[in-house]
Protein backbone atom coordinates (compact mmCIF):
# COMPACT_ATOMS: atom_id res chain seq x y z
CA UNK A 1 86.65 -24.34 -10.77
CA UNK A 2 86.62 -21.15 -8.71
CA UNK A 3 87.67 -17.80 -10.17
CA UNK A 4 91.17 -16.50 -9.59
CA UNK A 5 90.39 -13.73 -7.11
CA UNK A 6 91.73 -12.17 -3.93
CA UNK A 7 89.81 -10.90 -0.91
CA UNK A 8 90.50 -7.31 0.12
CA UNK A 9 89.15 -5.09 2.86
CA UNK A 10 90.20 -1.78 4.38
CA UNK A 11 91.68 -0.87 7.73
CA UNK A 12 88.26 -0.21 9.23
CA UNK A 13 88.03 -3.98 9.64
CA UNK A 14 89.08 -5.95 12.71
CA UNK A 15 89.48 -9.71 12.88
CA UNK A 16 91.71 -12.41 14.32
CA UNK A 17 95.25 -11.52 13.08
CA UNK A 18 96.19 -15.20 12.78
CA UNK A 19 93.15 -15.82 10.56
CA UNK A 20 94.03 -12.85 8.34
CA UNK A 21 97.63 -14.02 7.92
CA UNK A 22 96.77 -17.67 7.34
CA UNK A 23 94.16 -16.84 4.72
CA UNK A 24 96.15 -14.16 2.91
CA UNK A 25 93.68 -11.33 3.52
CA UNK A 26 94.84 -8.05 1.99
CA UNK A 27 94.06 -4.61 3.41
CA UNK A 28 93.85 -1.20 1.78
CA UNK A 29 95.74 1.32 3.96
CA UNK A 30 93.87 4.14 5.69
CA UNK A 31 95.22 7.36 7.16
CA UNK A 32 94.55 8.64 10.65
CA UNK A 33 95.80 11.71 12.47
CA UNK A 34 96.73 11.86 16.13
CA UNK A 35 97.64 15.30 17.41
CA UNK A 36 99.63 16.87 14.60
CA UNK A 37 101.02 13.59 13.26
CA UNK A 38 99.62 11.73 10.27
CA UNK A 39 99.96 7.97 10.32
CA UNK A 40 99.13 5.27 7.80
CA UNK A 41 97.48 2.09 9.04
CA UNK A 42 98.56 -0.61 6.57
CA UNK A 43 97.76 -3.80 8.49
CA UNK A 44 96.39 -5.11 11.76
CA UNK A 45 98.34 -3.24 14.43
CA UNK A 46 100.02 -4.99 17.36
CA UNK A 47 98.76 -4.57 20.92
CA UNK A 48 101.66 -2.32 21.96
CA UNK A 49 101.00 0.16 19.14
CA UNK A 50 97.27 0.23 19.86
CA UNK A 51 97.79 0.80 23.58
CA UNK A 52 99.97 3.84 22.79
CA UNK A 53 97.22 5.17 20.52
CA UNK A 54 94.50 4.91 23.17
CA UNK A 55 96.79 6.27 25.88
CA UNK A 56 97.39 9.31 23.66
CA UNK A 57 93.62 9.81 23.43
CA UNK A 58 93.35 9.56 27.20
CA UNK A 59 95.93 12.32 27.49
CA UNK A 60 93.91 14.66 25.28
CA UNK A 61 95.34 14.08 21.82
CA UNK A 62 92.77 14.78 19.09
CA UNK A 63 92.26 12.00 16.56
CA UNK A 64 90.57 11.91 13.16
CA UNK A 65 90.62 9.98 9.90
CA UNK A 66 90.35 10.60 6.17
CA UNK A 67 88.47 8.42 3.71
CA UNK A 68 90.12 6.47 0.90
CA UNK A 69 90.04 8.40 -2.40
CA UNK A 70 89.22 6.81 -5.77
CA UNK A 71 92.88 7.20 -6.75
CA UNK A 72 93.96 5.37 -3.59
CA UNK A 73 91.71 2.51 -4.62
CA UNK A 74 93.08 2.48 -8.14
CA UNK A 75 96.62 2.30 -6.77
CA UNK A 76 95.63 -0.54 -4.42
CA UNK A 77 93.57 -2.54 -6.94
CA UNK A 78 95.78 -2.33 -10.00
CA UNK A 79 98.68 -4.59 -8.89
CA UNK A 80 96.27 -7.50 -8.49
CA UNK A 81 94.60 -6.86 -11.84
CA UNK A 82 98.00 -6.74 -13.52
CA UNK A 83 98.64 -10.26 -12.21
CA UNK A 84 95.36 -11.47 -13.68
CA UNK A 85 93.53 -11.61 -10.36
CA UNK A 86 89.98 -10.40 -9.81
CA UNK A 87 89.11 -8.60 -6.55
CA UNK A 88 86.38 -9.12 -3.99
CA UNK A 89 86.47 -6.00 -1.84
CA UNK A 90 84.58 -5.70 1.48
CA UNK A 91 84.11 -2.06 2.48
CA UNK A 92 83.31 -0.06 5.59
CA UNK A 93 79.61 0.83 5.63
CA UNK A 94 78.58 3.41 3.08
CA UNK A 95 76.37 4.83 5.81
CA UNK A 96 79.44 5.70 7.89
CA UNK A 97 81.91 6.82 5.22
CA UNK A 98 82.26 7.71 1.55
CA UNK A 99 84.93 5.07 0.99
CA UNK A 100 82.50 2.56 -0.55
CA UNK A 101 81.44 5.06 -3.22
CA UNK A 102 85.11 5.81 -3.90
CA UNK A 103 85.74 2.09 -4.46
CA UNK A 104 82.91 1.95 -7.01
CA UNK A 105 84.36 4.90 -8.91
CA UNK A 106 87.77 3.23 -9.01
CA UNK A 107 86.29 -0.11 -10.10
CA UNK A 108 84.39 1.58 -12.92
CA UNK A 109 87.51 3.43 -14.10
CA UNK A 110 89.58 0.23 -14.13
CA UNK A 111 86.92 -1.86 -15.90
CA UNK A 112 87.80 -0.24 -19.22
CA UNK A 113 91.42 -1.34 -18.94
CA UNK A 114 91.21 -4.83 -17.43
CA UNK A 115 89.10 -7.92 -18.06
CA UNK A 116 89.33 -9.03 -14.42
CA UNK A 117 86.40 -8.26 -12.14
CA UNK A 118 86.28 -5.89 -9.18
CA UNK A 119 83.26 -6.66 -7.01
CA UNK A 120 82.70 -4.22 -4.14
CA UNK A 121 80.51 -5.22 -1.20
CA UNK A 122 79.20 -2.60 1.21
CA UNK A 123 79.44 -4.40 4.57
CA UNK A 124 76.81 -2.08 6.13
CA UNK A 125 79.01 -2.38 9.20
CA UNK A 126 82.46 -1.81 10.58
CA UNK A 127 85.28 -3.24 12.70
CA UNK A 128 84.55 -6.86 13.70
CA UNK A 129 81.26 -6.87 11.79
CA UNK A 130 83.43 -6.53 8.70
CA UNK A 131 85.67 -9.22 10.16
CA UNK A 132 82.74 -11.64 10.28
CA UNK A 133 81.96 -10.92 6.64
CA UNK A 134 85.61 -11.46 5.66
CA UNK A 135 85.57 -14.84 7.38
CA UNK A 136 82.44 -15.79 5.45
CA UNK A 137 84.09 -14.70 2.21
CA UNK A 138 87.08 -16.97 2.93
CA UNK A 139 84.78 -19.94 3.67
CA UNK A 140 82.92 -19.34 0.43
CA UNK A 141 86.11 -19.13 -1.60
CA UNK A 142 87.38 -22.38 -0.07
CA UNK A 143 84.03 -23.93 -1.04
CA UNK A 144 84.87 -23.01 -4.65
CA UNK A 145 82.29 -20.25 -4.99
CA UNK A 146 82.92 -17.93 -7.89
CA UNK A 147 83.51 -14.27 -7.09
CA UNK A 148 79.94 -13.47 -8.16
CA UNK A 149 78.44 -16.27 -6.04
CA UNK A 150 80.56 -15.23 -3.08
CA UNK A 151 79.47 -11.60 -3.28
CA UNK A 152 75.82 -12.63 -3.60
CA UNK A 153 76.11 -14.74 -0.45
CA UNK A 154 77.78 -11.88 1.45
CA UNK A 155 75.01 -9.49 0.41
CA UNK A 156 72.52 -11.88 2.02
CA UNK A 157 74.53 -12.59 5.17
CA UNK A 158 75.44 -9.00 5.96
CA UNK A 159 71.78 -8.30 6.78
CA UNK A 160 72.11 -10.54 9.83
CA UNK A 161 75.31 -9.10 11.32
CA UNK A 162 74.61 -7.38 14.62
CA UNK A 163 76.88 -4.77 16.23
CA UNK A 164 76.13 -4.11 19.92
CA UNK A 165 78.49 -1.59 21.48
CA UNK A 166 79.03 1.06 24.10
CA UNK A 167 81.41 3.99 24.36
CA UNK A 168 83.05 5.20 27.55
CA UNK A 169 83.73 8.86 26.74
CA UNK A 170 80.78 10.80 25.32
CA UNK A 171 83.05 13.62 24.14
CA UNK A 172 84.18 11.47 21.20
CA UNK A 173 80.57 11.12 20.03
CA UNK A 174 80.19 14.88 20.42
CA UNK A 175 83.19 15.53 18.16
CA UNK A 176 81.66 13.23 15.56
CA UNK A 177 78.37 15.13 15.69
CA UNK A 178 76.44 12.20 17.19
CA UNK A 179 75.29 14.05 20.31
CA UNK A 180 75.18 17.68 21.44
CA UNK A 181 77.83 19.31 23.61
CA UNK A 182 75.37 19.74 26.47
CA UNK A 183 74.36 16.07 26.33
CA UNK A 184 78.00 15.02 26.32
CA UNK A 185 78.90 17.11 29.35
CA UNK A 186 75.75 16.17 31.28
CA UNK A 187 76.01 12.50 30.37
CA UNK A 188 79.70 12.33 31.29
CA UNK A 189 79.01 13.85 34.69
CA UNK A 190 76.34 11.20 35.37
CA UNK A 191 78.44 8.32 34.02
CA UNK A 192 75.98 7.68 31.17
CA UNK A 193 77.08 5.02 28.67
CA UNK A 194 75.17 5.03 25.37
CA UNK A 195 74.27 1.69 23.78
CA UNK A 196 74.64 1.82 20.01
CA UNK A 197 74.08 -0.30 16.95
CA UNK A 198 74.24 0.02 13.17
CA UNK A 199 70.91 0.19 11.34
CA UNK A 200 69.67 -1.31 8.08
CA UNK A 201 71.21 1.58 6.14
CA UNK A 202 74.59 1.05 7.77
CA UNK A 203 74.29 4.14 9.94
CA UNK A 204 75.18 4.52 13.60
CA UNK A 205 72.14 4.69 15.88
CA UNK A 206 71.70 5.20 19.61
CA UNK A 207 69.34 2.52 20.94
CA UNK A 208 69.57 3.18 24.66
CA UNK A 209 71.72 4.24 27.58
CA UNK A 210 72.80 2.92 30.94
CA UNK A 211 74.37 4.57 33.94
CA UNK A 212 77.77 3.05 34.59
CA UNK A 213 79.95 0.52 32.82
CA UNK A 214 78.60 -2.53 34.64
CA UNK A 215 74.99 -1.92 33.61
CA UNK A 216 76.01 -1.01 30.06
CA UNK A 217 77.97 -4.25 29.70
CA UNK A 218 75.02 -6.23 31.01
CA UNK A 219 72.82 -4.55 28.37
CA UNK A 220 75.23 -5.58 25.59
CA UNK A 221 74.96 -9.18 26.77
CA UNK A 222 71.16 -8.95 26.85
CA UNK A 223 71.12 -7.62 23.29
CA UNK A 224 73.39 -10.45 22.22
CA UNK A 225 71.25 -13.03 24.04
CA UNK A 226 68.07 -11.82 22.37
CA UNK A 227 69.56 -12.00 18.88
CA UNK A 228 71.89 -15.02 19.17
CA UNK A 229 71.33 -18.08 17.00
CA UNK A 230 72.60 -20.24 19.92
CA UNK A 231 74.20 -22.56 17.36
CA UNK A 232 77.19 -24.76 18.14
CA UNK A 233 80.30 -22.88 17.04
CA UNK A 234 78.39 -19.60 16.69
CA UNK A 235 81.00 -17.05 15.55
CA UNK A 236 81.22 -14.07 17.90
CA UNK A 237 83.70 -11.24 18.23
CA UNK A 238 84.30 -9.10 21.31
CA UNK A 239 86.24 -5.95 20.44
CA UNK A 240 87.66 -3.37 22.83
CA UNK A 241 89.57 -0.09 22.74
CA UNK A 242 92.33 -0.97 25.21
CA UNK A 243 89.86 -2.26 27.79
CA UNK A 244 91.01 -5.86 28.06
CA UNK A 245 89.78 -6.62 31.58
CA UNK A 246 86.19 -5.69 30.78
CA UNK A 247 86.45 -7.32 27.37
CA UNK A 248 87.46 -10.61 29.00
CA UNK A 249 84.48 -10.27 31.32
CA UNK A 250 82.21 -9.64 28.33
CA UNK A 251 83.59 -12.71 26.56
CA UNK A 252 82.90 -14.80 29.67
CA UNK A 253 79.30 -13.52 29.74
CA UNK A 254 78.82 -14.38 26.05
CA UNK A 255 80.01 -17.93 26.74
CA UNK A 256 77.58 -18.19 29.65
CA UNK A 257 74.79 -17.41 27.19
CA UNK A 258 76.11 -19.84 24.57
CA UNK A 259 78.85 -22.12 25.95
CA UNK A 260 79.47 -23.55 22.48
CA UNK A 261 80.08 -20.18 20.81
CA UNK A 262 83.42 -19.57 19.09
CA UNK A 263 84.45 -16.21 20.58
CA UNK A 264 87.49 -14.14 19.56
CA UNK A 265 88.80 -11.12 21.43
CA UNK A 266 90.49 -8.31 19.44
CA UNK A 267 91.54 -4.69 19.91
CA UNK A 268 89.83 -1.95 17.92
CA UNK A 269 91.83 -0.43 15.06
CA UNK A 270 92.89 3.25 15.20
CA UNK A 271 90.64 4.03 12.22
CA UNK A 272 87.40 3.31 14.07
CA UNK A 273 88.93 4.03 17.46
CA UNK A 274 89.60 7.61 16.38
CA UNK A 275 85.84 8.18 16.57
CA UNK A 276 84.85 6.04 19.56
CA UNK A 277 87.66 6.83 22.00
CA UNK A 278 89.35 4.52 24.52
CA UNK A 279 87.59 1.78 26.53
CA UNK A 280 84.85 1.15 23.97
CA UNK A 281 83.37 -2.37 24.11
CA UNK A 282 81.35 -4.27 21.52
CA UNK A 283 79.90 -7.64 20.59
CA UNK A 284 79.38 -8.60 16.93
CA UNK A 285 77.79 -11.78 15.60
CA UNK A 286 75.53 -13.19 12.91
CA UNK A 287 72.09 -12.72 14.45
CA UNK A 288 68.89 -14.74 14.24
CA UNK A 289 67.00 -12.07 12.31
CA UNK A 290 67.65 -9.29 9.84
CA UNK A 291 68.64 -5.99 11.48
CA UNK A 292 66.87 -6.35 14.79
CA UNK A 293 67.60 -2.90 16.14
CA UNK A 294 65.25 -2.38 19.07
């Protein structure tokens, strides 16, 4: 019989809201700041709220986030432990944030007080890449995998999750220290759209660039095509930062590559969106090879 455990993630994750609700997925809140206002993201936000967030960015509001502290994790984990439930936690990449390390500190502190397990998995990804891993965790739990077996399977599968994405406004990458100010200004003037991925260490990497949205979108599809398993029911996510028209076009292109893919369209959370800016587009899927990044 399977362990008594719950599946948790943090608000860096994006996935189908109906799936999250139906499968009782729990999220650890994360804080983001827009202008001079601090907000707490406690669950998957509705489309209206997200549109307001990205419109604020378009009008020049500065956005940033803060990582989850060990005490935040203790406060989030403890209610489940008190009910006799173990925790399988899927974290934002440790290569992008210190939240994973904070979760390990909290788990270690709580291990002296509770017999229940806290197993933390570094997703080595973010947004819908984390969503894919959460879906796998749910499947494994329904298949009666123990928490240890489930985590072991996720550690293996996460190596195949591909994140292909583009950003529209280079100034957001500049603020995050990803590119220089001169590159941002020059690239913006030329309509340059960087193509990015997440490497084997869970870090953001620039793997190319295209001039204009149309060519950049075509490159995302080519990257997907080259790394797709082409399986029936292949699970694919298309995520966008309030760029629904282009996201629908991207979804259509994915289905032209693999007509039998199972593709979901979601809007990017404010936590990741704070760093990418509006109109970002991405494709995430379980690829046919481990961390094919070129």
